Amino acid sequence: MRIEGYNIVLEVLEGANLEMVIALNDPHLMKYAGRVLQQNHTLETQTEWVSKVNANPNQRYWGIYELSEFAGTIRLDISNSVGLISLWIIRKFQGHGYGVEAINLVTDYAFKYLNLHRVEAGVLPENTASIKAFQKADFVIEATLKERQWSEGKFVDEIILRRLNVL
């Protein structure tokens, strides 16, 4: 499936690529990812992960492309008419609005085609760029969950942002 925006295109990932593996091993990017992603990644482990996600009917996983260049990923996990977005943008593409555009594209898809009632995201408090991106995409901060995620050797808070389907 392909979703086209103004500056980016979302393409369902069919496997991992080298840019993805390099980004997943970037400590700056992965410090916000929680305990599951804080490990060394290879092309093989990421290809296996993408296949597992694609086999699950309650998950959608897209690559984010600026022109034809890989810029990051966005995932939608679905449960009980609620979607959970996970997003990461490669460092050189950060600050250009691609995250906001990807969030809007996936949220619109979730509301229009999956008829979800709510889409949310969990973000670490120090990840101010992600918080701002979700807020620019009309998400609001709903709660702070105390010591919810494991990051850099300790439990840390997680901010929950959400947008409701008002269509």
Protein backbone atom coordinates (compact mmCIF):
# COMPACT_ATOMS: atom_id res chain seq x y z
CA MET A 1 0.00 0.00 0.00
CA ARG A 2 1.18 3.47 -0.90
CA ILE A 3 0.03 6.69 0.74
CA GLU A 4 1.15 9.89 -0.95
CA GLY A 5 1.62 13.20 0.82
CA TYR A 6 2.97 16.55 -0.34
CA ASN A 7 6.62 15.95 0.56
CA ILE A 8 6.77 12.27 1.42
CA VAL A 9 5.41 8.91 0.37
CA LEU A 10 4.59 6.05 2.73
CA GLU A 11 5.23 2.58 1.30
CA VAL A 12 4.47 -0.66 3.12
CA LEU A 13 7.83 -2.12 4.07
CA GLU A 14 8.57 -5.43 2.40
CA GLY A 15 11.88 -5.95 4.17
CA ALA A 16 14.69 -4.05 5.80
CA ASN A 17 17.26 -1.92 4.03
CA LEU A 18 20.73 -0.75 4.95
CA GLU A 19 19.57 2.78 5.85
CA MET A 20 17.05 1.31 8.28
CA VAL A 21 19.68 -0.83 9.99
CA ILE A 22 22.12 2.08 10.26
CA ALA A 23 19.41 4.29 11.75
CA LEU A 24 18.36 1.61 14.22
CA ASN A 25 21.92 1.48 15.49
CA ASP A 26 22.09 5.28 15.96
CA PRO A 27 22.24 5.83 19.74
CA HIS A 28 20.69 9.32 19.39
CA LEU A 29 17.61 7.88 17.71
CA MET A 30 17.28 4.70 19.74
CA LYS A 31 17.52 6.31 23.18
CA TYR A 32 13.82 7.16 22.76
CA ALA A 33 12.78 3.70 21.55
CA GLY A 34 12.47 1.81 24.83
CA ARG A 35 13.95 -1.51 25.85
CA VAL A 36 12.79 -3.53 22.83
CA LEU A 37 14.80 -1.54 20.30
CA GLN A 38 17.89 -0.86 22.40
CA GLN A 39 20.05 -3.59 20.90
CA ASN A 40 22.33 -4.17 17.94
CA HIS A 41 20.43 -4.60 14.70
CA THR A 42 21.38 -6.40 11.50
CA LEU A 43 19.77 -6.58 8.09
CA GLU A 44 18.67 -10.13 8.95
CA THR A 45 17.04 -9.25 12.29
CA GLN A 46 15.22 -6.26 10.81
CA THR A 47 13.99 -8.21 7.77
CA GLU A 48 12.61 -10.83 10.18
CA TRP A 49 10.95 -8.10 12.29
CA VAL A 50 9.31 -6.47 9.24
CA SER A 51 7.98 -9.86 8.10
CA LYS A 52 6.53 -10.52 11.55
CA VAL A 53 4.79 -7.13 11.66
CA ASN A 54 3.41 -7.52 8.12
CA ALA A 55 1.97 -10.94 9.03
CA ASN A 56 -0.08 -9.41 11.85
CA PRO A 57 -3.46 -8.09 10.59
CA ASN A 58 -3.53 -5.58 13.47
CA GLN A 59 -0.33 -3.83 12.44
CA ARG A 60 0.70 -1.64 9.50
CA TYR A 61 4.33 -0.72 8.89
CA TRP A 62 5.39 1.88 6.33
CA GLY A 63 8.69 3.24 5.18
CA ILE A 64 8.80 7.02 4.90
CA TYR A 65 10.42 8.23 1.68
CA GLU A 66 11.41 11.73 0.66
CA LEU A 67 11.54 11.47 -3.11
CA SER A 68 13.06 7.98 -3.36
CA GLU A 69 15.29 8.25 -0.30
CA PHE A 70 14.46 6.31 2.86
CA ALA A 71 13.76 8.78 5.71
CA GLY A 72 12.31 6.61 8.49
CA THR A 73 9.37 4.43 9.46
CA ILE A 74 5.92 4.77 10.94
CA ARG A 75 3.91 1.90 12.41
CA LEU A 76 0.27 1.64 13.41
CA ASP A 77 -0.76 -0.99 15.97
CA ILE A 78 -4.52 -1.53 16.21
CA SER A 79 -6.55 -2.78 19.17
CA ASN A 80 -10.21 -2.16 20.10
CA SER A 81 -10.73 0.68 17.58
CA VAL A 82 -7.60 2.44 18.86
CA GLY A 83 -4.41 2.92 16.90
CA LEU A 84 -0.96 3.40 18.41
CA ILE A 85 1.60 5.20 16.26
CA SER A 86 5.35 4.52 16.50
CA LEU A 87 7.54 6.85 14.47
CA TRP A 88 11.19 7.45 13.83
CA ILE A 89 12.91 9.72 11.35
CA ILE A 90 16.55 9.37 10.34
CA ARG A 91 18.57 12.22 11.81
CA LYS A 92 19.35 13.99 8.53
CA PHE A 93 15.60 14.19 7.74
CA GLN A 94 14.58 15.52 11.15
CA GLY A 95 13.31 19.08 11.39
CA HIS A 96 11.75 19.19 7.91
CA GLY A 97 8.15 18.39 8.87
CA TYR A 98 8.23 14.83 7.52
CA GLY A 99 7.23 13.38 10.89
CA VAL A 100 4.19 15.66 11.13
CA GLU A 101 3.18 14.78 7.58
CA ALA A 102 3.61 11.04 8.21
CA ILE A 103 1.57 11.28 11.44
CA ASN A 104 -1.23 13.08 9.60
CA LEU A 105 -1.23 10.61 6.70
CA VAL A 106 -1.41 7.56 8.97
CA THR A 107 -3.99 9.13 11.29
CA ASP A 108 -6.20 10.08 8.33
CA TYR A 109 -5.85 6.53 6.97
CA ALA A 110 -6.74 5.09 10.40
CA PHE A 111 -9.88 7.22 10.66
CA LYS A 112 -11.11 7.01 7.06
CA TYR A 113 -10.25 3.45 6.07
CA LEU A 114 -9.99 1.55 9.35
CA ASN A 115 -12.77 3.50 11.09
CA LEU A 116 -10.71 3.82 14.26
CA HIS A 117 -12.08 6.03 17.01
CA ARG A 118 -8.76 7.12 18.49
CA VAL A 119 -5.07 7.26 17.56
CA GLU A 120 -2.42 7.74 20.21
CA ALA A 121 1.32 7.78 20.76
CA GLY A 122 3.59 7.30 23.75
CA VAL A 123 6.63 9.60 23.86
CA LEU A 124 9.43 10.04 26.38
CA PRO A 125 9.30 13.54 27.96
CA GLU A 126 12.79 14.52 26.76
CA ASN A 127 11.83 13.73 23.15
CA THR A 128 10.48 17.24 22.68
CA ALA A 129 10.74 17.08 18.87
CA SER A 130 8.32 14.14 18.75
CA ILE A 131 5.95 15.78 21.21
CA LYS A 132 5.90 18.92 19.06
CA ALA A 133 5.39 16.86 15.88
CA PHE A 134 2.35 15.11 17.34
CA GLN A 135 0.97 18.40 18.65
CA LYS A 136 1.38 19.98 15.18
CA ALA A 137 -0.67 17.02 13.89
CA ASP A 138 -3.50 18.02 16.28
CA PHE A 139 -2.70 15.46 18.98
CA VAL A 140 -3.15 16.60 22.57
CA ILE A 141 -1.31 15.50 25.68
CA GLU A 142 -3.65 13.33 27.67
CA ALA A 143 -1.52 11.88 30.47
CA THR A 144 1.92 11.22 31.83
CA LEU A 145 2.43 7.61 32.86
CA LYS A 146 5.02 7.39 35.63
CA GLU A 147 7.99 5.06 35.11
CA ARG A 148 6.30 3.40 32.11
CA GLN A 149 9.30 2.82 29.78
CA TRP A 150 12.80 1.46 30.21
CA SER A 151 15.43 3.80 28.74
CA GLU A 152 19.16 4.03 29.26
CA GLY A 153 19.17 1.72 32.25
CA LYS A 154 16.22 3.10 34.20
CA PHE A 155 12.46 3.43 34.20
CA VAL A 156 11.24 6.76 32.80
CA ASP A 157 7.90 8.49 32.35
CA GLU A 158 5.93 8.32 29.11
CA ILE A 159 3.69 11.07 27.75
CA ILE A 160 0.50 9.86 26.05
CA LEU A 161 -0.78 12.00 23.19
CA ARG A 162 -4.04 11.33 21.37
CA ARG A 163 -6.31 12.47 18.58
CA LEU A 164 -9.97 11.47 18.37
CA ASN A 165 -11.89 10.74 15.19
CA VAL A 166 -14.38 13.58 14.83
CA LEU A 167 -15.31 12.82 11.22
